[in-house]
Protein backbone atom coordinates (compact mmCIF):
# COMPACT_ATOMS: atom_id res chain seq x y z
CA MET A 1 -27.94 62.37 14.20
CA SER A 2 -31.07 62.27 12.03
CA VAL A 3 -31.97 65.79 10.91
CA THR A 4 -34.18 67.40 8.27
CA TYR A 5 -33.98 71.08 7.32
CA PHE A 6 -36.75 73.41 6.16
CA ILE A 7 -36.03 76.83 4.64
CA SER A 8 -38.06 79.40 2.72
CA ASP A 9 -38.11 83.02 1.62
CA LEU A 10 -34.43 83.32 0.75
CA HIS A 11 -35.29 85.74 -2.06
CA LEU A 12 -32.01 85.01 -3.80
CA GLY A 13 -30.89 87.50 -6.41
CA GLU A 14 -27.81 89.19 -7.77
CA ASP A 15 -28.68 92.30 -5.76
CA PHE A 16 -28.43 90.42 -2.44
CA PRO A 17 -24.87 89.04 -2.18
CA ALA A 18 -25.04 88.62 1.63
CA ILE A 19 -27.99 86.25 1.28
CA THR A 20 -26.18 84.29 -1.41
CA ARG A 21 -23.10 83.88 0.78
CA CYS A 22 -25.23 82.72 3.71
CA PHE A 23 -27.04 80.25 1.46
CA GLU A 24 -23.71 78.89 0.20
CA VAL A 25 -22.50 78.41 3.78
CA PHE A 26 -25.69 76.58 4.69
CA MET A 27 -25.50 74.35 1.63
CA ARG A 28 -21.84 73.58 2.28
CA GLU A 29 -21.86 73.10 6.06
CA LYS A 30 -25.32 71.85 7.00
CA ALA A 31 -27.41 70.55 4.09
CA PRO A 32 -25.07 67.69 3.10
CA HIS A 33 -25.51 66.11 6.55
CA ALA A 34 -29.32 66.11 6.45
CA GLU A 35 -31.69 63.29 5.60
CA ALA A 36 -33.63 65.78 3.46
CA LEU A 37 -33.86 69.48 2.65
CA TYR A 38 -37.19 71.18 1.95
CA VAL A 39 -37.36 74.62 0.31
CA LEU A 40 -40.85 76.02 0.87
CA GLY A 41 -41.00 78.72 -1.77
CA ASP A 42 -39.59 82.14 -2.63
CA LEU A 43 -36.15 80.70 -3.18
CA PHE A 44 -35.64 83.54 -5.65
CA GLU A 45 -36.63 87.19 -5.38
CA VAL A 46 -38.20 86.91 -8.80
CA TRP A 47 -38.31 84.22 -11.48
CA TYR A 48 -38.75 85.19 -15.12
CA GLY A 49 -38.69 81.66 -16.50
CA ASP A 50 -36.49 78.59 -16.80
CA ASP A 51 -34.97 80.01 -19.99
CA ASN A 52 -33.27 82.76 -17.96
CA ASN A 53 -29.86 81.07 -18.03
CA SER A 54 -28.00 83.82 -16.22
CA PRO A 55 -24.65 82.95 -14.60
CA PHE A 56 -26.27 83.58 -11.21
CA ASN A 57 -29.11 81.14 -11.81
CA GLN A 58 -26.67 78.57 -13.15
CA HIS A 59 -24.52 78.96 -10.05
CA ILE A 60 -27.45 78.42 -7.67
CA ALA A 61 -28.46 75.32 -9.64
CA ALA A 62 -24.93 73.96 -9.34
CA VAL A 63 -24.91 74.52 -5.57
CA PHE A 64 -28.14 72.57 -5.25
CA LYS A 65 -26.97 69.85 -7.61
CA GLN A 66 -23.89 69.15 -5.53
CA VAL A 67 -25.95 68.73 -2.35
CA ALA A 68 -28.67 66.74 -4.12
CA GLU A 69 -26.12 64.05 -5.01
CA HIS A 70 -26.18 63.01 -1.34
CA THR A 71 -29.25 64.68 0.22
CA PRO A 72 -32.77 64.63 -1.30
CA VAL A 73 -33.90 68.20 -1.97
CA PHE A 74 -37.57 69.13 -2.35
CA PHE A 75 -39.12 72.39 -3.54
CA ILE A 76 -42.57 73.96 -3.23
CA HIS A 77 -43.43 77.04 -5.29
CA GLY A 78 -43.76 80.43 -3.61
CA ASN A 79 -45.44 83.60 -4.77
CA ARG A 80 -42.17 84.89 -6.24
CA ASP A 81 -41.03 81.77 -8.11
CA PHE A 82 -44.27 79.96 -9.00
CA MET A 83 -43.15 79.73 -12.64
CA LEU A 84 -40.01 77.77 -11.80
CA GLY A 85 -40.39 74.57 -13.80
CA GLN A 86 -39.06 71.10 -14.37
CA ARG A 87 -36.29 72.34 -16.65
CA TYR A 88 -34.58 74.24 -13.83
CA ALA A 89 -35.44 71.57 -11.26
CA ASN A 90 -33.55 69.03 -13.37
CA LYS A 91 -30.49 71.29 -13.44
CA ALA A 92 -30.66 71.82 -9.68
CA GLY A 93 -31.40 68.19 -8.88
CA PHE A 94 -34.43 68.88 -6.72
CA THR A 95 -37.96 67.50 -6.79
CA ILE A 96 -40.94 69.84 -7.18
CA LEU A 97 -43.77 68.94 -4.80
CA ASN A 98 -47.45 69.86 -4.96
CA GLU A 99 -48.20 73.25 -3.42
CA GLN A 100 -49.71 71.44 -0.42
CA THR A 101 -47.89 68.22 0.44
CA VAL A 102 -48.12 65.97 3.49
CA ILE A 103 -44.96 64.18 4.62
CA ASP A 104 -44.17 61.85 7.49
CA LEU A 105 -41.82 63.91 9.67
CA TYR A 106 -40.33 61.45 12.15
CA GLY A 107 -43.70 59.85 12.78
CA THR A 108 -45.83 63.02 12.60
CA PRO A 109 -47.89 63.65 9.45
CA THR A 110 -47.00 67.23 8.51
CA LEU A 111 -48.51 69.57 5.92
CA LEU A 112 -45.97 71.59 3.94
CA LEU A 113 -46.85 74.68 1.91
CA HIS A 114 -45.50 78.12 1.08
CA GLY A 115 -48.37 79.78 2.91
CA ASP A 116 -49.56 82.54 0.60
CA GLU A 117 -52.81 80.67 -0.06
CA LEU A 118 -53.63 81.07 3.63
CA CYS A 119 -53.76 84.89 3.37
CA THR A 120 -57.38 84.86 2.26
CA ASP A 121 -58.19 88.34 3.61
CA ASP A 122 -55.99 89.84 0.88
CA ILE A 123 -58.72 89.68 -1.75
CA ALA A 124 -56.75 91.33 -4.56
CA TYR A 125 -53.80 88.97 -4.16
CA MET A 126 -55.98 85.87 -3.97
CA LYS A 127 -57.62 86.89 -7.24
CA PHE A 128 -54.21 87.29 -8.90
CA ARG A 129 -53.03 84.02 -7.40
CA ARG A 130 -55.88 82.05 -8.94
CA LYS A 131 -55.21 83.60 -12.33
CA SER A 132 -51.42 83.29 -12.27
CA ARG A 133 -51.50 79.60 -11.32
CA SER A 134 -53.70 78.72 -14.29
CA ARG A 135 -52.16 76.91 -17.26
CA TRP A 136 -53.49 79.39 -19.83
CA TRP A 137 -51.97 82.39 -18.01
CA GLN A 138 -48.57 80.77 -17.61
CA THR A 139 -48.54 79.58 -21.22
CA MET A 140 -49.31 83.10 -22.39
CA VAL A 141 -46.61 84.67 -20.20
CA LYS A 142 -43.95 82.13 -21.14
CA ALA A 143 -44.56 82.94 -24.81
CA LEU A 144 -43.41 86.53 -24.23
CA PRO A 145 -39.77 87.51 -24.85
CA LEU A 146 -37.56 87.13 -21.80
CA SER A 147 -36.79 90.86 -21.77
CA LEU A 148 -40.50 91.70 -21.61
CA ARG A 149 -41.08 89.14 -18.85
CA ARG A 150 -38.23 90.71 -16.90
CA TYR A 151 -39.77 94.15 -17.27
CA LEU A 152 -43.26 92.98 -16.27
CA ALA A 153 -41.93 91.07 -13.26
CA THR A 154 -39.93 94.09 -12.07
CA ARG A 155 -42.94 96.36 -12.45
CA GLY A 156 -45.18 93.86 -10.69
CA ARG A 157 -42.76 93.58 -7.79
CA LYS A 158 -42.70 97.37 -7.34
CA ASN A 159 -46.50 97.51 -7.41
CA SER A 160 -46.67 94.71 -4.87
CA GLU A 161 -44.36 96.54 -2.47
CA SER A 162 -46.44 99.69 -2.85
CA ASN A 163 -49.65 97.80 -2.14
CA LYS A 164 -48.16 96.21 0.98
CA MET A 165 -47.61 99.64 2.50
CA GLN A 166 -51.35 100.31 2.20
CA LEU A 167 -52.53 97.02 3.70
CA ALA A 168 -53.07 96.36 7.39
CA ALA A 169 -50.62 93.87 8.89
CA ASP A 170 -53.36 91.36 9.71
CA ILE A 171 -54.51 91.28 6.08
CA MET A 172 -51.03 90.23 4.96
CA ASP A 173 -50.90 87.50 7.61
CA VAL A 174 -52.59 84.12 7.35
CA THR A 175 -56.29 83.83 8.12
CA PRO A 176 -56.84 81.59 11.18
CA GLN A 177 -59.82 79.87 9.58
CA ALA A 178 -57.79 79.10 6.44
CA VAL A 179 -55.15 77.43 8.61
CA ILE A 180 -57.73 75.27 10.34
CA GLU A 181 -59.37 74.33 7.03
CA ALA A 182 -56.02 73.31 5.52
CA LEU A 183 -55.18 71.12 8.50
CA GLU A 184 -58.61 69.53 8.49
CA ASN A 185 -58.67 69.03 4.72
CA HIS A 186 -55.49 66.97 5.03
CA ASN A 187 -56.46 65.47 8.42
CA VAL A 188 -53.15 66.45 10.07
CA GLN A 189 -52.18 68.28 13.27
CA GLN A 190 -48.92 69.88 12.12
CA MET A 191 -48.17 72.46 9.45
CA ILE A 192 -44.95 74.12 8.27
CA HIS A 193 -44.98 77.18 5.99
CA GLY A 194 -43.19 80.41 5.15
CA HIS A 195 -44.33 83.53 3.26
CA THR A 196 -45.24 85.83 6.15
CA HIS A 197 -41.64 86.33 7.36
CA ARG A 198 -42.85 85.93 10.95
CA PRO A 199 -40.99 82.91 12.38
CA ASP A 200 -42.81 81.34 15.29
CA MET A 201 -44.58 78.24 16.55
CA HIS A 202 -48.33 78.65 17.02
CA HIS A 203 -50.58 76.29 18.95
CA LEU A 204 -54.21 75.93 17.94
CA GLU A 205 -56.97 73.37 17.58
CA ALA A 206 -58.00 71.49 14.44
CA ASN A 207 -59.82 68.23 13.89
CA GLY A 208 -60.94 68.58 17.50
CA LYS A 209 -57.37 68.13 18.77
CA PRO A 210 -54.30 70.28 19.56
CA ALA A 211 -52.37 71.34 16.45
CA THR A 212 -49.17 73.22 15.68
CA ARG A 213 -48.32 75.73 12.94
CA ILE A 214 -44.61 76.42 12.43
CA VAL A 215 -43.71 79.55 10.44
CA LEU A 216 -40.30 79.85 8.80
CA GLY A 217 -38.42 83.14 8.72
CA ASP A 218 -36.94 85.00 5.76
CA TRP A 219 -33.28 85.52 4.84
CA TYR A 220 -33.10 89.30 4.50
CA GLU A 221 -30.98 89.87 7.63
CA GLN A 222 -29.91 86.33 8.52
CA GLY A 223 -30.55 82.79 7.43
CA SER A 224 -33.62 81.21 8.99
CA MET A 225 -34.29 77.48 9.16
CA LEU A 226 -36.33 74.86 10.94
CA VAL A 227 -34.26 72.00 12.30
CA ALA A 228 -36.30 68.82 12.67
CA THR A 229 -35.03 65.74 14.51
CA PRO A 230 -36.80 62.76 16.06
CA GLU A 231 -36.53 64.66 19.36
CA GLY A 232 -38.35 67.79 18.18
CA LEU A 233 -38.42 70.98 16.12
CA THR A 234 -36.27 74.10 16.56
CA LEU A 235 -36.24 77.41 14.70
CA GLU A 236 -32.64 78.55 14.26
CA ASN A 237 -30.73 81.33 12.52
CA ILE A 238 -27.48 81.52 10.56
CA GLN A 239 -25.68 84.82 10.92
CA PHE A 240 -24.43 86.54 7.78
CA ARG A 241 -20.66 86.42 7.31
CA GLN A 242 -18.53 89.08 5.73
């Protein structure tokens, strides 16, 4: 059967062994049988740089590489791993796509993205996002020692979690107008993204026609994936194993 998988927000890290085990099961039992695998950002909990050659990062690259020998694997940056570069992609065997990419999904043009750029009501984050995606900022950060980058990333993550507690839930969700604008900018009626950790299928209108927005879930308590076949789309979960 023709099938394509979409996953996001795994937040892999050495501190989350249950997620790693679930990811390994998925990559061993499901991914090799797919026509393609798309990872829509936040694969890692935090990414200090491609020069962080920890055993854990090397292991994840090897898992991807084995699948990529038979199944094309594609990656879009998230807000946690936007500095993941070509060096690591080569090790893992996956292709880095533009942050907004349109694919032909069994006859339906579909916009893929992580989704953080749709949260336009979070003014402070959008300001940081514009800065952190710039070449000058990334060049400056990459020039810092790995140990300092690790410290800054850890501190930034703690500040981010603190700020989330002070924000209203709707501010951290996507802005409806931003969704419509993205669909209309790419002239498509279907969108798949992650980031918000709120898996669902939303029906709306864009380009004067019915449209669909599919949101992927996170992997904190179980594995979440979108299963796409020529017959349709289904959000499914993979239970953690001991």
